[in-house]
Every structure is written in C-alpha cells, then in structure tokens.
Amino acid sequence: MCWRSRGVTLVESLLGVALAAICVALALPSWRAALQAQRVRAAAAALRDGLQLARMQSLLGAVAVRVCPGAGCGAPARWEQGWVVQVEAAAGGAARLLAVQAALPGVRIDSTAALRGGAAFDPGGWPRQRGGALLMGVWRICPWPAVARVGGRELVLAAGGRLREREVREVDCPAAAPGRSEAAQRWLRVLPTSLAVMSTMRIIRS
C-alpha cells in the first residue's frame, strides 16, 4: 500500500495562528498579573530591608541614620525612584552613605505626609521627625500601571520603630488609566484576538 503525504493548507495554517493568538491572549493577563505581584513583593521587601538596615546601624553605631527617597537627602523625589540610606552628618562633617536602592519599575510607592521626605532613626533606634518628635506613618506599594486582580502591600512604621507589613486590596491602589472605562480596557485587551479570528474567518469564506 502506498501512502501519500499531504501538506498543510493555507486555511489550516491560519486557523493554527488564530488558535495560538487566542491562547496567548488568554494567558497574557495571568502572566502579567503574576509579574506585577512579584514586583510589588520585591519592592516591599527592598524598602523593609532598607529601613531595618537604617535602624540597626543607628543602634549599633549610636548614630542618627536617615532613609531618603531619590538619589540623596534634600531633593524632593518619589520612593519608587529609589532611595539612599546614610548616616547623618555630624557637626562639621559629611554624611556617610550606607546603601543605595535603584529605581523600581512597575510599582508606585505612596506614603503619608510625614514620610515623603524620608525617615530618620536617632542613636537609640527611635524614628524621629525633623523637629525631634516621634515619627510614624505608612508606605503603600502598588502595581503601576494597575493590573486586574493584583493588590499591593503596606509597610507601617510604628512610633517605637517597629515595621509591620500587610496586604492592600486592588481597589485601594490607584487606577492605571484615569478616565478610561473598564469596558474600554477590556476591549483593548481582546482586540488583537478578535482581529485574528475575523481575518481567518474572512479567508475561509472566500
């Protein structure tokens, strides 16, 4: 018996491409959500480590240590742009840099007003404001742009210097695109798949 092999037709190829596009469109949101969730956890861990380093160094060295957003203390910056940990300058001296955190893509870090300029720990490990009062506040780390079904994390700094981490619901994080309706966002997500299917059906009918 003789067998003849048959090649793949154009219609079969286009159907395969359309099915692959549908699979990718279905998997992409889950992959993006997992990636953004990991970025949020990593940013929260990095900020927690920086604050704990500052407090530990203040206790061990009996010095004042400050954590500031941006490239250095003094210039206004946002926390997702990174931060520095440095020993406060003594009289007539210069600040000593302990650690530098690079910018963190894919997240947005907001804080209460008292923490926008940084957080300082005195030689006893107590968080202090510029005027000397005890410091407390909250950092909120959220995915940016926002992703469906992905919440954020909060770091809560107590007046005694203790840090506590907790989850943040998706609805408590800032929206990705103000003014764009959820229906419009859904349409933009399914548009590539819809175009692929429509093109395939048009060729099959012709």
N, C-alpha and C. Protein backbone atom coordinates (compact mmCIF):
# COMPACT_ATOMS: atom_id res chain seq x y z
N MET A 1 0.85 -1.19 0.00
CA MET A 1 0.00 0.00 0.00
C MET A 1 0.89 1.24 0.00
N CYS A 2 0.51 2.21 -0.77
CA CYS A 2 1.31 3.42 -0.90
C CYS A 2 0.61 4.57 -0.21
N TRP A 3 1.34 5.27 0.61
CA TRP A 3 0.79 6.43 1.33
C TRP A 3 1.35 7.71 0.71
N ARG A 4 0.47 8.66 0.53
CA ARG A 4 0.88 9.95 0.00
C ARG A 4 0.76 11.00 1.10
N SER A 5 1.81 11.75 1.33
CA SER A 5 1.76 12.81 2.35
C SER A 5 1.10 14.05 1.77
N ARG A 6 0.34 14.73 2.60
CA ARG A 6 -0.35 15.94 2.18
C ARG A 6 0.16 17.11 2.99
N GLY A 7 0.47 18.22 2.36
CA GLY A 7 0.96 19.40 3.07
C GLY A 7 -0.18 20.12 3.78
N VAL A 8 0.20 21.11 4.57
CA VAL A 8 -0.77 21.91 5.32
C VAL A 8 -1.28 23.02 4.42
N THR A 9 -2.59 23.17 4.36
CA THR A 9 -3.18 24.21 3.52
C THR A 9 -3.08 25.57 4.21
N LEU A 10 -3.33 26.61 3.43
CA LEU A 10 -3.28 27.98 3.95
C LEU A 10 -4.33 28.19 5.03
N VAL A 11 -5.51 27.63 4.80
CA VAL A 11 -6.60 27.79 5.79
C VAL A 11 -6.22 27.13 7.11
N GLU A 12 -5.64 25.93 7.04
CA GLU A 12 -5.21 25.23 8.26
C GLU A 12 -4.13 26.02 8.99
N SER A 13 -3.22 26.61 8.24
CA SER A 13 -2.17 27.42 8.86
C SER A 13 -2.76 28.63 9.58
N LEU A 14 -3.72 29.29 8.90
CA LEU A 14 -4.33 30.47 9.51
C LEU A 14 -5.15 30.11 10.74
N LEU A 15 -5.81 28.97 10.69
CA LEU A 15 -6.54 28.52 11.88
C LEU A 15 -5.58 28.25 13.04
N GLY A 16 -4.43 27.66 12.74
CA GLY A 16 -3.44 27.43 13.79
C GLY A 16 -2.93 28.73 14.38
N VAL A 17 -2.68 29.73 13.51
CA VAL A 17 -2.23 31.03 14.01
C VAL A 17 -3.30 31.68 14.89
N ALA A 18 -4.57 31.58 14.46
CA ALA A 18 -5.66 32.17 15.24
C ALA A 18 -5.79 31.51 16.61
N LEU A 19 -5.69 30.17 16.63
CA LEU A 19 -5.77 29.46 17.91
C LEU A 19 -4.60 29.83 18.82
N ALA A 20 -3.40 29.96 18.24
CA ALA A 20 -2.24 30.37 19.03
C ALA A 20 -2.44 31.77 19.60
N ALA A 21 -3.02 32.67 18.78
CA ALA A 21 -3.26 34.04 19.26
C ALA A 21 -4.26 34.05 20.39
N ILE A 22 -5.28 33.19 20.30
CA ILE A 22 -6.28 33.11 21.38
C ILE A 22 -5.63 32.61 22.66
N CYS A 23 -4.80 31.58 22.54
CA CYS A 23 -4.12 31.04 23.74
C CYS A 23 -3.22 32.09 24.39
N VAL A 24 -2.48 32.83 23.56
CA VAL A 24 -1.60 33.87 24.10
C VAL A 24 -2.41 34.96 24.78
N ALA A 25 -3.55 35.36 24.14
CA ALA A 25 -4.38 36.42 24.73
C ALA A 25 -4.97 35.98 26.05
N LEU A 26 -5.30 34.69 26.18
CA LEU A 26 -5.86 34.19 27.44
C LEU A 26 -4.79 34.10 28.53
N ALA A 27 -3.57 33.73 28.13
CA ALA A 27 -2.51 33.54 29.12
C ALA A 27 -1.83 34.84 29.53
N LEU A 28 -1.84 35.85 28.64
CA LEU A 28 -1.11 37.08 28.91
C LEU A 28 -1.55 37.81 30.17
N PRO A 29 -2.87 37.98 30.43
CA PRO A 29 -3.26 38.68 31.66
C PRO A 29 -2.76 37.99 32.92
N SER A 30 -2.82 36.65 32.95
CA SER A 30 -2.36 35.92 34.14
C SER A 30 -0.86 36.09 34.33
N TRP A 31 -0.11 36.03 33.23
CA TRP A 31 1.34 36.21 33.32
C TRP A 31 1.68 37.61 33.79
N ARG A 32 0.98 38.61 33.24
CA ARG A 32 1.25 40.00 33.63
C ARG A 32 0.89 40.22 35.10
N ALA A 33 -0.21 39.64 35.54
CA ALA A 33 -0.61 39.78 36.94
C ALA A 33 0.43 39.17 37.88
N ALA A 34 0.95 37.99 37.51
CA ALA A 34 1.97 37.35 38.34
C ALA A 34 3.24 38.18 38.39
N LEU A 35 3.62 38.76 37.25
CA LEU A 35 4.83 39.58 37.20
C LEU A 35 4.68 40.83 38.06
N GLN A 36 3.54 41.50 37.96
CA GLN A 36 3.34 42.72 38.76
C GLN A 36 3.25 42.41 40.25
N ALA A 37 2.62 41.29 40.60
CA ALA A 37 2.54 40.90 42.01
C ALA A 37 3.94 40.65 42.57
N GLN A 38 4.81 40.01 41.77
CA GLN A 38 6.18 39.78 42.20
C GLN A 38 6.94 41.08 42.37
N ARG A 39 6.72 42.04 41.48
CA ARG A 39 7.38 43.33 41.59
C ARG A 39 6.95 44.06 42.86
N VAL A 40 5.68 43.97 43.20
CA VAL A 40 5.19 44.61 44.42
C VAL A 40 5.85 43.98 45.65
N ARG A 41 5.90 42.65 45.69
CA ARG A 41 6.52 41.97 46.83
C ARG A 41 8.00 42.31 46.94
N ALA A 42 8.69 42.36 45.79
CA ALA A 42 10.12 42.68 45.81
C ALA A 42 10.36 44.11 46.28
N ALA A 43 9.52 45.06 45.84
CA ALA A 43 9.68 46.45 46.26
C ALA A 43 9.42 46.60 47.76
N ALA A 44 8.39 45.92 48.25
CA ALA A 44 8.10 45.98 49.69
C ALA A 44 9.25 45.40 50.51
N ALA A 45 9.82 44.29 50.03
CA ALA A 45 10.93 43.67 50.74
C ALA A 45 12.17 44.57 50.73
N ALA A 46 12.43 45.22 49.58
CA ALA A 46 13.59 46.11 49.49
C ALA A 46 13.44 47.30 50.43
N LEU A 47 12.26 47.90 50.48
CA LEU A 47 12.05 49.04 51.37
C LEU A 47 12.13 48.63 52.83
N ARG A 48 11.56 47.48 53.15
CA ARG A 48 11.65 46.98 54.53
C ARG A 48 13.10 46.73 54.92
N ASP A 49 13.88 46.15 54.02
CA ASP A 49 15.29 45.88 54.32
C ASP A 49 16.07 47.18 54.52
N GLY A 50 15.78 48.19 53.70
CA GLY A 50 16.46 49.47 53.85
C GLY A 50 16.16 50.14 55.18
N LEU A 51 14.91 50.08 55.58
CA LEU A 51 14.53 50.69 56.87
C LEU A 51 15.11 49.91 58.04
N GLN A 52 15.11 48.59 57.95
CA GLN A 52 15.68 47.79 59.02
C GLN A 52 17.20 47.99 59.12
N LEU A 53 17.85 48.15 57.97
CA LEU A 53 19.29 48.44 57.98
C LEU A 53 19.56 49.77 58.68
N ALA A 54 18.76 50.79 58.36
CA ALA A 54 18.95 52.10 58.98
C ALA A 54 18.78 52.02 60.49
N ARG A 55 17.76 51.33 60.94
CA ARG A 55 17.53 51.24 62.40
C ARG A 55 18.63 50.43 63.09
N MET A 56 19.06 49.33 62.46
CA MET A 56 20.11 48.51 63.06
C MET A 56 21.42 49.29 63.18
N GLN A 57 21.77 50.04 62.13
CA GLN A 57 23.00 50.82 62.15
C GLN A 57 22.94 51.94 63.17
N SER A 58 21.75 52.52 63.36
CA SER A 58 21.63 53.57 64.37
C SER A 58 21.84 53.02 65.77
N LEU A 59 21.35 51.80 65.99
CA LEU A 59 21.53 51.18 67.31
C LEU A 59 22.96 50.72 67.54
N LEU A 60 23.56 50.07 66.52
CA LEU A 60 24.91 49.54 66.67
C LEU A 60 25.96 50.64 66.76
N GLY A 61 25.78 51.69 65.95
CA GLY A 61 26.79 52.74 65.91
C GLY A 61 26.47 53.94 66.78
N ALA A 62 25.31 53.93 67.44
CA ALA A 62 24.87 55.07 68.26
C ALA A 62 24.94 56.37 67.45
N VAL A 63 24.43 56.30 66.20
CA VAL A 63 24.42 57.46 65.31
C VAL A 63 23.01 57.62 64.73
N ALA A 64 22.75 58.79 64.19
CA ALA A 64 21.48 59.03 63.50
C ALA A 64 21.61 58.58 62.05
N VAL A 65 20.64 57.82 61.58
CA VAL A 65 20.66 57.29 60.21
C VAL A 65 19.35 57.67 59.54
N ARG A 66 19.46 58.09 58.28
CA ARG A 66 18.28 58.54 57.55
C ARG A 66 18.12 57.74 56.26
N VAL A 67 16.86 57.46 55.90
CA VAL A 67 16.49 56.84 54.62
C VAL A 67 15.74 57.90 53.83
N CYS A 68 16.24 58.25 52.64
CA CYS A 68 15.65 59.32 51.84
C CYS A 68 15.28 58.82 50.45
N PRO A 69 14.13 59.21 49.91
CA PRO A 69 13.80 58.83 48.54
C PRO A 69 14.65 59.58 47.54
N GLY A 70 14.91 58.94 46.40
CA GLY A 70 15.70 59.58 45.35
C GLY A 70 17.18 59.30 45.50
N ALA A 71 17.98 60.16 44.89
CA ALA A 71 19.43 59.97 44.85
C ALA A 71 20.14 60.53 46.07
N GLY A 72 19.44 61.24 46.93
CA GLY A 72 20.07 61.81 48.11
C GLY A 72 19.10 62.63 48.92
N CYS A 73 19.43 62.87 50.15
CA CYS A 73 18.56 63.65 51.01
C CYS A 73 18.63 65.13 50.62
N GLY A 74 17.48 65.76 50.57
CA GLY A 74 17.44 67.18 50.25
C GLY A 74 16.59 67.48 49.03
N ALA A 75 16.78 66.73 47.93
CA ALA A 75 16.00 66.96 46.73
C ALA A 75 14.71 66.16 46.79
N PRO A 76 13.56 66.77 46.49
CA PRO A 76 12.29 66.03 46.54
C PRO A 76 12.26 64.93 45.48
N ALA A 77 11.77 63.76 45.85
CA ALA A 77 11.70 62.63 44.92
C ALA A 77 10.62 61.68 45.41
N ARG A 78 10.23 60.76 44.55
CA ARG A 78 9.27 59.74 44.91
C ARG A 78 10.01 58.45 45.31
N TRP A 79 9.38 57.64 46.14
CA TRP A 79 10.04 56.46 46.67
C TRP A 79 10.33 55.42 45.60
N GLU A 80 9.47 55.31 44.56
CA GLU A 80 9.75 54.32 43.52
C GLU A 80 10.97 54.69 42.68
N GLN A 81 11.46 55.92 42.82
CA GLN A 81 12.69 56.31 42.12
C GLN A 81 13.94 55.79 42.83
N GLY A 82 13.74 55.03 43.90
CA GLY A 82 14.86 54.51 44.68
C GLY A 82 15.07 55.32 45.94
N TRP A 83 16.07 54.95 46.73
CA TRP A 83 16.36 55.67 47.97
C TRP A 83 17.80 55.41 48.39
N VAL A 84 18.23 56.20 49.35
CA VAL A 84 19.57 56.03 49.93
C VAL A 84 19.42 55.87 51.44
N VAL A 85 20.35 55.13 52.01
CA VAL A 85 20.46 55.00 53.48
C VAL A 85 21.80 55.60 53.85
N GLN A 86 21.80 56.62 54.72
CA GLN A 86 23.04 57.29 55.06
C GLN A 86 23.07 57.70 56.53
N VAL A 87 24.28 57.71 57.07
CA VAL A 87 24.50 58.20 58.43
C VAL A 87 24.46 59.72 58.39
N GLU A 88 23.67 60.33 59.27
CA GLU A 88 23.54 61.78 59.29
C GLU A 88 24.89 62.44 59.57
N ALA A 89 25.12 63.56 58.94
CA ALA A 89 26.38 64.27 59.12
C ALA A 89 26.48 64.85 60.51
N ALA A 90 27.63 64.64 61.15
CA ALA A 90 27.89 65.25 62.45
C ALA A 90 28.31 66.71 62.22
N ALA A 91 28.46 67.45 63.31
CA ALA A 91 28.85 68.86 63.19
C ALA A 91 30.17 68.99 62.46
N GLY A 92 30.14 69.71 61.33
CA GLY A 92 31.34 69.93 60.55
C GLY A 92 31.76 68.77 59.69
N GLY A 93 30.97 67.67 59.70
CA GLY A 93 31.35 66.50 58.90
C GLY A 93 30.42 66.31 57.72
N ALA A 94 30.55 65.17 57.08
CA ALA A 94 29.74 64.85 55.92
C ALA A 94 28.97 63.56 56.18
N ALA A 95 27.84 63.42 55.50
CA ALA A 95 27.04 62.21 55.64
C ALA A 95 27.79 61.01 55.06
N ARG A 96 27.58 59.84 55.64
CA ARG A 96 28.25 58.62 55.17
C ARG A 96 27.20 57.69 54.56
N LEU A 97 27.41 57.33 53.31
CA LEU A 97 26.44 56.51 52.58
C LEU A 97 26.58 55.05 52.99
N LEU A 98 25.43 54.42 53.30
CA LEU A 98 25.42 53.01 53.69
C LEU A 98 24.86 52.11 52.59
N ALA A 99 23.85 52.56 51.88
CA ALA A 99 23.23 51.72 50.85
C ALA A 99 22.48 52.60 49.86
N VAL A 100 22.38 52.09 48.63
CA VAL A 100 21.64 52.80 47.57
C VAL A 100 20.70 51.80 46.91
N GLN A 101 19.45 52.18 46.77
CA GLN A 101 18.47 51.37 46.06
C GLN A 101 18.13 52.03 44.73
N ALA A 102 18.26 51.27 43.65
CA ALA A 102 17.94 51.79 42.33
C ALA A 102 16.43 51.93 42.16
N ALA A 103 16.03 52.62 41.09
CA ALA A 103 14.61 52.80 40.80
C ALA A 103 13.93 51.45 40.62
N LEU A 104 12.66 51.40 41.00
CA LEU A 104 11.89 50.16 40.96
C LEU A 104 10.81 50.26 39.89
N PRO A 105 10.99 49.61 38.73
CA PRO A 105 9.97 49.69 37.68
C PRO A 105 8.74 48.88 38.02
N GLY A 106 7.60 49.32 37.50
CA GLY A 106 6.38 48.55 37.65
C GLY A 106 5.65 48.73 38.96
N VAL A 107 6.10 49.65 39.81
CA VAL A 107 5.41 49.89 41.08
C VAL A 107 5.26 51.39 41.31
N ARG A 108 4.33 51.72 42.19
CA ARG A 108 4.16 53.09 42.65
C ARG A 108 4.15 53.03 44.18
N ILE A 109 4.95 53.89 44.81
CA ILE A 109 5.05 53.90 46.27
C ILE A 109 4.60 55.25 46.79
N ASP A 110 3.47 55.26 47.46
CA ASP A 110 2.96 56.46 48.11
C ASP A 110 3.19 56.34 49.61
N SER A 111 3.19 57.47 50.29
CA SER A 111 3.40 57.45 51.74
C SER A 111 2.58 58.55 52.39
N THR A 112 2.40 58.43 53.69
CA THR A 112 1.79 59.50 54.44
C THR A 112 2.73 60.71 54.43
N ALA A 113 2.16 61.89 54.71
CA ALA A 113 2.91 63.14 54.55
C ALA A 113 4.21 63.15 55.33
N ALA A 114 4.22 62.59 56.52
CA ALA A 114 5.42 62.65 57.38
C ALA A 114 6.59 61.88 56.79
N LEU A 115 6.32 60.94 55.87
CA LEU A 115 7.38 60.09 55.33
C LEU A 115 7.83 60.48 53.93
N ARG A 116 7.22 61.49 53.34
CA ARG A 116 7.55 61.83 51.96
C ARG A 116 8.99 62.30 51.80
N GLY A 117 9.53 62.94 52.80
CA GLY A 117 10.91 63.40 52.72
C GLY A 117 11.91 62.42 53.27
N GLY A 118 11.45 61.28 53.79
CA GLY A 118 12.35 60.28 54.34
C GLY A 118 11.99 59.90 55.76
N ALA A 119 12.77 58.99 56.30
CA ALA A 119 12.59 58.53 57.68
C ALA A 119 13.95 58.48 58.36
N ALA A 120 14.03 59.03 59.56
CA ALA A 120 15.30 59.08 60.30
C ALA A 120 15.17 58.31 61.60
N PHE A 121 16.27 57.68 62.00
CA PHE A 121 16.33 56.95 63.27
C PHE A 121 17.44 57.58 64.11
N ASP A 122 17.12 57.91 65.37
CA ASP A 122 18.10 58.53 66.24
C ASP A 122 19.06 57.48 66.79
N PRO A 123 20.10 57.85 67.53
CA PRO A 123 21.08 56.87 68.04
C PRO A 123 20.47 55.78 68.91
N GLY A 124 19.26 55.98 69.38
CA GLY A 124 18.61 54.94 70.16
C GLY A 124 17.70 54.05 69.33
N GLY A 125 17.64 54.28 68.00
CA GLY A 125 16.80 53.47 67.14
C GLY A 125 15.37 53.94 67.04
N TRP A 126 15.08 55.13 67.58
CA TRP A 126 13.72 55.66 67.53
C TRP A 126 13.51 56.47 66.25
N PRO A 127 12.41 56.28 65.55
CA PRO A 127 12.15 57.09 64.35
C PRO A 127 11.77 58.51 64.76
N ARG A 128 12.43 59.49 64.14
CA ARG A 128 12.23 60.88 64.53
C ARG A 128 11.91 61.76 63.32
N GLN A 129 11.08 62.76 63.54
CA GLN A 129 10.85 63.79 62.55
C GLN A 129 11.96 64.83 62.65
N ARG A 130 11.97 65.77 61.71
CA ARG A 130 12.99 66.81 61.70
C ARG A 130 13.00 67.61 63.00
N GLY A 131 11.82 67.85 63.53
CA GLY A 131 11.76 68.65 64.75
C GLY A 131 12.04 67.87 66.03
N GLY A 132 12.21 66.55 65.91
CA GLY A 132 12.52 65.74 67.08
C GLY A 132 11.37 64.89 67.58
N ALA A 133 10.15 65.15 67.08
CA ALA A 133 9.00 64.36 67.51
C ALA A 133 9.10 62.94 66.95
N LEU A 134 8.46 62.00 67.63
CA LEU A 134 8.45 60.62 67.15
C LEU A 134 7.76 60.54 65.79
N LEU A 135 8.28 59.69 64.95
CA LEU A 135 7.80 59.55 63.58
C LEU A 135 7.03 58.25 63.42
N MET A 136 5.92 58.32 62.71
CA MET A 136 5.15 57.13 62.35
C MET A 136 4.45 57.40 61.03
N GLY A 137 4.11 56.34 60.31
CA GLY A 137 3.44 56.53 59.04
C GLY A 137 3.35 55.23 58.26
N VAL A 138 2.91 55.35 57.01
CA VAL A 138 2.63 54.18 56.18
C VAL A 138 3.16 54.42 54.77
N TRP A 139 3.81 53.40 54.22
CA TRP A 139 4.14 53.36 52.79
C TRP A 139 3.19 52.39 52.12
N ARG A 140 2.66 52.76 50.97
CA ARG A 140 1.79 51.87 50.20
C ARG A 140 2.43 51.59 48.85
N ILE A 141 2.70 50.30 48.59
CA ILE A 141 3.34 49.87 47.35
C ILE A 141 2.28 49.20 46.49
N CYS A 142 2.05 49.73 45.28
CA CYS A 142 1.03 49.21 44.38
C CYS A 142 1.62 48.96 43.00
N PRO A 143 1.02 48.04 42.22
CA PRO A 143 1.48 47.85 40.84
C PRO A 143 1.17 49.09 40.01
N TRP A 144 2.06 49.43 39.09
CA TRP A 144 1.83 50.60 38.23
C TRP A 144 2.41 50.34 36.84
N PRO A 145 1.58 50.39 35.81
CA PRO A 145 0.13 50.61 35.84
C PRO A 145 -0.60 49.48 36.56
N ALA A 146 -1.80 49.80 37.02
CA ALA A 146 -2.58 48.83 37.77
C ALA A 146 -2.94 47.64 36.89
N VAL A 147 -3.05 46.47 37.52
CA VAL A 147 -3.40 45.23 36.84
C VAL A 147 -4.57 44.60 37.58
N ALA A 148 -5.52 44.07 36.82
CA ALA A 148 -6.69 43.45 37.44
C ALA A 148 -6.27 42.30 38.35
N ARG A 149 -6.90 42.21 39.48
CA ARG A 149 -6.72 41.14 40.47
C ARG A 149 -5.36 41.18 41.17
N VAL A 150 -4.67 42.30 41.09
CA VAL A 150 -3.38 42.44 41.77
C VAL A 150 -3.48 43.60 42.76
N GLY A 151 -3.32 43.30 44.04
CA GLY A 151 -3.33 44.33 45.06
C GLY A 151 -1.93 44.82 45.36
N GLY A 152 -1.76 45.40 46.53
CA GLY A 152 -0.46 45.95 46.90
C GLY A 152 -0.05 45.51 48.29
N ARG A 153 0.97 46.20 48.81
CA ARG A 153 1.47 45.93 50.16
C ARG A 153 1.63 47.26 50.88
N GLU A 154 1.51 47.22 52.18
CA GLU A 154 1.76 48.39 53.01
C GLU A 154 2.80 48.08 54.07
N LEU A 155 3.69 49.04 54.30
CA LEU A 155 4.63 48.97 55.42
C LEU A 155 4.22 50.03 56.42
N VAL A 156 3.97 49.60 57.62
CA VAL A 156 3.51 50.50 58.68
C VAL A 156 4.65 50.70 59.68
N LEU A 157 5.08 51.93 59.84
CA LEU A 157 6.15 52.27 60.80
C LEU A 157 5.51 52.79 62.08
N ALA A 158 5.71 52.06 63.16
CA ALA A 158 5.18 52.48 64.46
C ALA A 158 6.12 53.47 65.12
N ALA A 159 5.61 54.18 66.11
CA ALA A 159 6.42 55.20 66.79
C ALA A 159 7.64 54.60 67.49
N GLY A 160 7.57 53.33 67.85
CA GLY A 160 8.70 52.68 68.50
C GLY A 160 9.76 52.17 67.54
N GLY A 161 9.51 52.28 66.21
CA GLY A 161 10.47 51.82 65.22
C GLY A 161 10.15 50.48 64.61
N ARG A 162 9.09 49.82 65.11
CA ARG A 162 8.73 48.51 64.59
C ARG A 162 8.03 48.65 63.25
N LEU A 163 8.37 47.75 62.31
CA LEU A 163 7.76 47.72 60.99
C LEU A 163 6.78 46.56 60.90
N ARG A 164 5.64 46.83 60.29
CA ARG A 164 4.65 45.78 60.07
C ARG A 164 4.19 45.83 58.62
N GLU A 165 4.08 44.66 57.98
CA GLU A 165 3.67 44.60 56.58
C GLU A 165 2.29 43.98 56.48
N ARG A 166 1.47 44.52 55.59
CA ARG A 166 0.12 43.99 55.39
C ARG A 166 -0.29 44.13 53.93
N GLU A 167 -1.30 43.35 53.54
CA GLU A 167 -1.78 43.37 52.16
C GLU A 167 -2.72 44.55 51.93
N VAL A 168 -2.78 44.98 50.68
CA VAL A 168 -3.68 46.06 50.26
C VAL A 168 -4.57 45.53 49.15
N ARG A 169 -5.86 45.79 49.22
CA ARG A 169 -6.77 45.34 48.18
C ARG A 169 -6.54 46.10 46.87
N GLU A 170 -6.94 45.46 45.79
CA GLU A 170 -6.78 46.08 44.47
C GLU A 170 -7.50 47.43 44.40
N VAL A 171 -8.69 47.52 45.01
CA VAL A 171 -9.48 48.75 44.92
C VAL A 171 -8.83 49.90 45.69
N ASP A 172 -7.90 49.61 46.59
CA ASP A 172 -7.24 50.65 47.37
C ASP A 172 -5.97 51.18 46.68
N CYS A 173 -5.62 50.60 45.54
CA CYS A 173 -4.48 51.09 44.77
C CYS A 173 -4.96 52.05 43.69
N PRO A 174 -4.12 52.99 43.26
CA PRO A 174 -4.54 53.95 42.23
C PRO A 174 -4.84 53.26 40.92
N ALA A 175 -5.79 53.83 40.18
CA ALA A 175 -6.19 53.26 38.89
C ALA A 175 -5.09 53.46 37.86
N ALA A 176 -5.05 52.55 36.88
CA ALA A 176 -3.99 52.60 35.86
C ALA A 176 -4.20 53.74 34.88
N ALA A 177 -5.43 53.95 34.46
CA ALA A 177 -5.69 54.96 33.42
C ALA A 177 -6.92 55.76 33.80
N PRO A 178 -6.79 56.84 34.56
CA PRO A 178 -7.95 57.62 34.95
C PRO A 178 -8.70 58.12 33.72
N GLY A 179 -10.01 57.98 33.77
CA GLY A 179 -10.85 58.45 32.69
C GLY A 179 -11.17 57.39 31.65
N ARG A 180 -10.48 56.27 31.67
CA ARG A 180 -10.77 55.19 30.72
C ARG A 180 -11.67 54.17 31.39
N SER A 181 -12.77 53.87 30.79
CA SER A 181 -13.75 52.97 31.38
C SER A 181 -13.21 51.54 31.38
N GLU A 182 -13.74 50.72 32.29
CA GLU A 182 -13.34 49.32 32.35
C GLU A 182 -13.73 48.58 31.08
N ALA A 183 -14.88 48.96 30.49
CA ALA A 183 -15.29 48.32 29.24
C ALA A 183 -14.28 48.60 28.13
N ALA A 184 -13.77 49.83 28.08
CA ALA A 184 -12.78 50.17 27.06
C ALA A 184 -11.50 49.40 27.29
N GLN A 185 -11.09 49.24 28.54
CA GLN A 185 -9.88 48.47 28.82
C GLN A 185 -10.04 47.01 28.41
N ARG A 186 -11.23 46.43 28.65
CA ARG A 186 -11.47 45.05 28.24
C ARG A 186 -11.42 44.91 26.72
N TRP A 187 -11.98 45.88 26.01
CA TRP A 187 -11.98 45.83 24.54
C TRP A 187 -10.55 45.89 24.00
N LEU A 188 -9.71 46.75 24.61
CA LEU A 188 -8.32 46.84 24.16
C LEU A 188 -7.57 45.54 24.40
N ARG A 189 -7.95 44.81 25.46
CA ARG A 189 -7.26 43.55 25.73
C ARG A 189 -7.63 42.46 24.74
N VAL A 190 -8.88 42.44 24.28
CA VAL A 190 -9.31 41.36 23.39
C VAL A 190 -9.21 41.74 21.92
N LEU A 191 -8.87 42.99 21.62
CA LEU A 191 -8.83 43.44 20.22
C LEU A 191 -7.90 42.61 19.35
N PRO A 192 -6.64 42.34 19.74
CA PRO A 192 -5.77 41.54 18.86
C PRO A 192 -6.35 40.18 18.53
N THR A 193 -6.92 39.50 19.53
CA THR A 193 -7.51 38.18 19.28
C THR A 193 -8.70 38.27 18.34
N SER A 194 -9.54 39.28 18.54
CA SER A 194 -10.71 39.45 17.68
C SER A 194 -10.30 39.68 16.23
N LEU A 195 -9.28 40.49 16.01
CA LEU A 195 -8.83 40.76 14.65
C LEU A 195 -8.29 39.50 13.98
N ALA A 196 -7.55 38.69 14.74
CA ALA A 196 -7.00 37.45 14.17
C ALA A 196 -8.11 36.50 13.77
N VAL A 197 -9.11 36.33 14.61
CA VAL A 197 -10.22 35.42 14.30
C VAL A 197 -11.02 35.93 13.10
N MET A 198 -11.30 37.23 13.06
CA MET A 198 -12.05 37.80 11.95
C MET A 198 -11.32 37.63 10.63
N SER A 199 -10.00 37.81 10.62
CA SER A 199 -9.22 37.64 9.41
C SER A 199 -9.27 36.20 8.92
N THR A 200 -9.17 35.26 9.84
CA THR A 200 -9.22 33.85 9.47
C THR A 200 -10.56 33.47 8.89
N MET A 201 -11.65 33.89 9.49
CA MET A 201 -12.98 33.57 9.00
C MET A 201 -13.22 34.18 7.62
N ARG A 202 -12.68 35.38 7.38
CA ARG A 202 -12.86 36.02 6.08
C ARG A 202 -12.17 35.22 4.97
N ILE A 203 -10.98 34.70 5.26
CA ILE A 203 -10.26 33.91 4.28
C ILE A 203 -10.95 32.58 4.04
N ILE A 204 -11.51 31.96 5.06
CA ILE A 204 -12.20 30.70 4.91
C ILE A 204 -13.43 30.86 4.01
N ARG A 205 -14.16 31.94 4.16
CA ARG A 205 -15.36 32.18 3.36
C ARG A 205 -15.02 32.48 1.90
N SER A 206 -13.85 33.05 1.65
CA SER A 206 -13.51 33.43 0.29
C SER A 206 -13.04 32.24 -0.56
